[in-house]
Amino acid sequence: MNAYRFAAYPSNSLVAAGVTFAVSVWFLVAAGAILSDPASPYTQRVVSQPEQVAMNSAPAQAKATPKVHYTVMVVGKRPQTAKI
């Protein structure tokens, strides 16, 4: 591949192993920092609790039924098909 050799080291594989080791240690330290970091309040999803409603409560029944009923009418024309 490459004829270049590092003069201070006996082989190029020793340099490659050193670089691999340094990168592995870097990722290990980064993973430890991520896992030890406390959760951010800005990334937490707020879960709302449903309201507790009594079963025999009349106001709760009135609140659940709508006071206005809407009717939706869809009007459209069908395309004329040719009769054969």
N, C-alpha and C. Protein backbone atom coordinates (compact mmCIF):
# COMPACT_ATOMS: atom_id res chain seq x y z
N MET A 1 0.83 -1.18 0.00
CA MET A 1 0.00 0.00 0.00
C MET A 1 0.87 1.25 0.00
N ASN A 2 1.28 1.68 1.19
CA ASN A 2 2.06 2.89 1.31
C ASN A 2 3.44 2.53 1.83
N ALA A 3 4.47 3.07 1.22
CA ALA A 3 5.83 2.75 1.62
C ALA A 3 6.32 3.60 2.80
N TYR A 4 5.52 4.56 3.25
CA TYR A 4 5.93 5.43 4.35
C TYR A 4 5.95 4.65 5.65
N ARG A 5 6.99 4.87 6.45
CA ARG A 5 7.11 4.21 7.75
C ARG A 5 7.40 5.26 8.81
N PHE A 6 6.81 5.06 9.99
CA PHE A 6 7.09 5.93 11.12
C PHE A 6 8.43 5.54 11.71
N ALA A 7 9.32 6.51 11.85
CA ALA A 7 10.68 6.21 12.28
C ALA A 7 10.75 5.83 13.76
N ALA A 8 9.91 6.40 14.61
CA ALA A 8 10.00 6.15 16.04
C ALA A 8 9.34 4.84 16.46
N TYR A 9 8.56 4.21 15.58
CA TYR A 9 7.84 2.99 15.92
C TYR A 9 8.34 1.84 15.06
N PRO A 10 8.34 0.62 15.60
CA PRO A 10 8.86 -0.51 14.84
C PRO A 10 8.01 -0.89 13.63
N SER A 11 6.68 -0.62 13.65
CA SER A 11 5.86 -1.00 12.51
C SER A 11 4.66 -0.08 12.39
N ASN A 12 4.06 -0.06 11.21
CA ASN A 12 2.87 0.75 10.99
C ASN A 12 1.67 0.19 11.74
N SER A 13 1.63 -1.11 11.96
CA SER A 13 0.51 -1.70 12.68
C SER A 13 0.47 -1.23 14.14
N LEU A 14 1.63 -0.92 14.70
CA LEU A 14 1.66 -0.38 16.06
C LEU A 14 1.02 1.01 16.09
N VAL A 15 1.25 1.81 15.07
CA VAL A 15 0.62 3.13 14.98
C VAL A 15 -0.89 2.98 14.81
N ALA A 16 -1.31 2.08 13.94
CA ALA A 16 -2.74 1.86 13.73
C ALA A 16 -3.40 1.37 15.00
N ALA A 17 -2.74 0.49 15.74
CA ALA A 17 -3.31 0.00 17.00
C ALA A 17 -3.40 1.13 18.02
N GLY A 18 -2.41 2.00 18.05
CA GLY A 18 -2.44 3.14 18.98
C GLY A 18 -3.57 4.10 18.67
N VAL A 19 -3.77 4.39 17.38
CA VAL A 19 -4.87 5.28 16.99
C VAL A 19 -6.21 4.63 17.32
N THR A 20 -6.34 3.35 17.03
CA THR A 20 -7.58 2.63 17.34
C THR A 20 -7.86 2.65 18.83
N PHE A 21 -6.84 2.44 19.63
CA PHE A 21 -6.99 2.46 21.08
C PHE A 21 -7.41 3.85 21.57
N ALA A 22 -6.79 4.89 21.02
CA ALA A 22 -7.12 6.26 21.44
C ALA A 22 -8.57 6.60 21.09
N VAL A 23 -9.02 6.21 19.91
CA VAL A 23 -10.40 6.48 19.51
C VAL A 23 -11.37 5.68 20.36
N SER A 24 -11.03 4.45 20.68
CA SER A 24 -11.89 3.63 21.53
C SER A 24 -12.03 4.23 22.92
N VAL A 25 -10.93 4.71 23.47
CA VAL A 25 -10.98 5.34 24.79
C VAL A 25 -11.82 6.60 24.73
N TRP A 26 -11.67 7.36 23.65
CA TRP A 26 -12.47 8.58 23.49
C TRP A 26 -13.97 8.26 23.50
N PHE A 27 -14.39 7.26 22.73
CA PHE A 27 -15.81 6.90 22.70
C PHE A 27 -16.28 6.32 24.02
N LEU A 28 -15.42 5.61 24.74
CA LEU A 28 -15.79 5.09 26.05
C LEU A 28 -16.02 6.22 27.04
N VAL A 29 -15.17 7.23 27.02
CA VAL A 29 -15.34 8.39 27.90
C VAL A 29 -16.60 9.17 27.52
N ALA A 30 -16.85 9.33 26.22
CA ALA A 30 -18.05 10.05 25.78
C ALA A 30 -19.31 9.29 26.19
N ALA A 31 -19.32 7.97 26.06
CA ALA A 31 -20.48 7.18 26.47
C ALA A 31 -20.71 7.29 27.97
N GLY A 32 -19.66 7.28 28.75
CA GLY A 32 -19.80 7.45 30.20
C GLY A 32 -20.35 8.81 30.56
N ALA A 33 -19.91 9.84 29.83
CA ALA A 33 -20.42 11.19 30.09
C ALA A 33 -21.89 11.30 29.73
N ILE A 34 -22.30 10.66 28.65
CA ILE A 34 -23.70 10.72 28.24
C ILE A 34 -24.58 9.98 29.24
N LEU A 35 -24.13 8.81 29.69
CA LEU A 35 -24.93 8.03 30.63
C LEU A 35 -25.00 8.65 32.02
N SER A 36 -23.98 9.39 32.41
CA SER A 36 -23.99 9.99 33.75
C SER A 36 -24.64 11.36 33.76
N ASP A 37 -24.96 11.93 32.61
CA ASP A 37 -25.59 13.24 32.53
C ASP A 37 -27.04 13.15 32.99
N PRO A 38 -27.48 14.06 33.86
CA PRO A 38 -28.89 14.00 34.29
C PRO A 38 -29.82 14.37 33.14
N ALA A 39 -31.06 13.94 33.26
CA ALA A 39 -32.05 14.21 32.21
C ALA A 39 -32.38 15.69 32.20
N SER A 40 -32.52 16.24 31.02
CA SER A 40 -32.85 17.65 30.86
C SER A 40 -34.36 17.85 31.02
N PRO A 41 -34.78 18.90 31.74
CA PRO A 41 -36.22 19.14 31.87
C PRO A 41 -36.84 19.60 30.55
N TYR A 42 -36.02 20.06 29.60
CA TYR A 42 -36.54 20.55 28.33
C TYR A 42 -36.84 19.41 27.36
N THR A 43 -36.31 18.23 27.61
CA THR A 43 -36.56 17.11 26.71
C THR A 43 -37.54 16.11 27.29
N GLN A 44 -38.11 16.40 28.45
CA GLN A 44 -39.06 15.49 29.07
C GLN A 44 -40.47 15.80 28.58
N ARG A 45 -41.21 14.78 28.24
CA ARG A 45 -42.59 14.93 27.77
C ARG A 45 -43.51 14.98 28.98
N VAL A 46 -44.37 16.00 29.02
CA VAL A 46 -45.30 16.16 30.13
C VAL A 46 -46.53 15.29 29.84
N VAL A 47 -46.85 14.43 30.79
CA VAL A 47 -48.00 13.55 30.65
C VAL A 47 -49.09 14.07 31.58
N SER A 48 -50.21 14.46 30.99
CA SER A 48 -51.29 14.98 31.81
C SER A 48 -52.11 13.82 32.37
N GLN A 49 -52.56 14.00 33.58
CA GLN A 49 -53.37 12.99 34.25
C GLN A 49 -54.83 13.21 33.88
N PRO A 50 -55.58 12.16 33.57
CA PRO A 50 -57.00 12.33 33.27
C PRO A 50 -57.76 12.76 34.52
N GLU A 51 -58.83 13.52 34.30
CA GLU A 51 -59.62 13.99 35.43
C GLU A 51 -60.38 12.83 36.05
N GLN A 52 -60.47 12.85 37.36
CA GLN A 52 -61.23 11.83 38.07
C GLN A 52 -62.69 12.28 38.11
N VAL A 53 -63.58 11.50 37.48
CA VAL A 53 -64.99 11.85 37.40
C VAL A 53 -65.79 10.78 38.13
N ALA A 54 -66.69 11.22 38.99
CA ALA A 54 -67.56 10.29 39.69
C ALA A 54 -68.59 9.73 38.71
N MET A 55 -68.96 8.48 38.86
CA MET A 55 -69.89 7.84 37.93
C MET A 55 -71.31 8.39 38.05
N ASN A 56 -71.74 8.81 39.23
CA ASN A 56 -73.11 9.26 39.43
C ASN A 56 -73.21 10.78 39.40
N SER A 57 -72.24 11.44 38.89
CA SER A 57 -72.22 12.90 38.91
C SER A 57 -72.98 13.45 37.70
N ALA A 58 -74.01 14.24 37.94
CA ALA A 58 -74.82 14.82 36.87
C ALA A 58 -74.07 15.91 36.10
N PRO A 59 -73.32 16.81 36.76
CA PRO A 59 -72.60 17.84 35.99
C PRO A 59 -71.55 17.23 35.05
N ALA A 60 -70.96 16.12 35.46
CA ALA A 60 -69.96 15.48 34.59
C ALA A 60 -70.63 14.91 33.36
N GLN A 61 -71.85 14.39 33.50
CA GLN A 61 -72.58 13.88 32.36
C GLN A 61 -72.97 15.02 31.42
N ALA A 62 -73.35 16.14 31.97
CA ALA A 62 -73.74 17.28 31.15
C ALA A 62 -72.52 17.85 30.42
N LYS A 63 -71.37 17.79 31.05
CA LYS A 63 -70.15 18.30 30.44
C LYS A 63 -69.71 17.41 29.29
N ALA A 64 -70.01 16.12 29.36
CA ALA A 64 -69.56 15.19 28.35
C ALA A 64 -70.39 15.25 27.07
N THR A 65 -71.67 15.66 27.16
CA THR A 65 -72.52 15.70 25.97
C THR A 65 -72.45 17.09 25.35
N PRO A 66 -72.33 17.16 24.03
CA PRO A 66 -72.26 18.47 23.39
C PRO A 66 -73.63 19.15 23.37
N LYS A 67 -73.63 20.47 23.40
CA LYS A 67 -74.88 21.23 23.41
C LYS A 67 -75.34 21.56 21.99
N VAL A 68 -74.42 21.52 21.03
CA VAL A 68 -74.75 21.85 19.66
C VAL A 68 -74.39 20.66 18.78
N HIS A 69 -75.31 20.30 17.91
CA HIS A 69 -75.05 19.22 16.98
C HIS A 69 -74.89 19.81 15.58
N TYR A 70 -73.84 19.43 14.91
CA TYR A 70 -73.57 19.91 13.56
C TYR A 70 -73.88 18.80 12.57
N THR A 71 -74.41 19.20 11.43
CA THR A 71 -74.66 18.27 10.35
C THR A 71 -73.76 18.68 9.18
N VAL A 72 -73.03 17.75 8.67
CA VAL A 72 -72.14 18.02 7.55
C VAL A 72 -72.76 17.40 6.30
N MET A 73 -72.97 18.23 5.29
CA MET A 73 -73.51 17.75 4.03
C MET A 73 -72.43 17.90 2.96
N VAL A 74 -72.16 16.81 2.26
CA VAL A 74 -71.18 16.83 1.19
C VAL A 74 -71.93 16.78 -0.12
N VAL A 75 -71.69 17.77 -0.97
CA VAL A 75 -72.38 17.86 -2.25
C VAL A 75 -71.33 17.75 -3.34
N GLY A 76 -71.59 16.87 -4.28
CA GLY A 76 -70.66 16.71 -5.38
C GLY A 76 -71.37 16.14 -6.59
N LYS A 77 -70.79 16.34 -7.76
CA LYS A 77 -71.37 15.82 -8.98
C LYS A 77 -70.57 14.62 -9.44
N ARG A 78 -71.27 13.64 -9.97
CA ARG A 78 -70.59 12.48 -10.52
C ARG A 78 -70.31 12.74 -12.00
N PRO A 79 -69.18 12.29 -12.46
CA PRO A 79 -68.87 12.50 -13.88
C PRO A 79 -69.78 11.61 -14.75
N GLN A 80 -70.14 12.13 -15.89
CA GLN A 80 -70.99 11.39 -16.81
C GLN A 80 -70.15 10.28 -17.47
N THR A 81 -70.64 9.07 -17.41
CA THR A 81 -69.95 7.97 -18.05
C THR A 81 -70.57 7.70 -19.41
N ALA A 82 -69.75 7.34 -20.34
CA ALA A 82 -70.24 7.07 -21.69
C ALA A 82 -70.88 5.69 -21.72
N LYS A 83 -72.06 5.60 -22.32
CA LYS A 83 -72.76 4.32 -22.43
C LYS A 83 -72.35 3.66 -23.74
N ILE A 84 -72.00 2.42 -23.66
CA ILE A 84 -71.56 1.70 -24.86
C ILE A 84 -72.65 0.81 -25.36
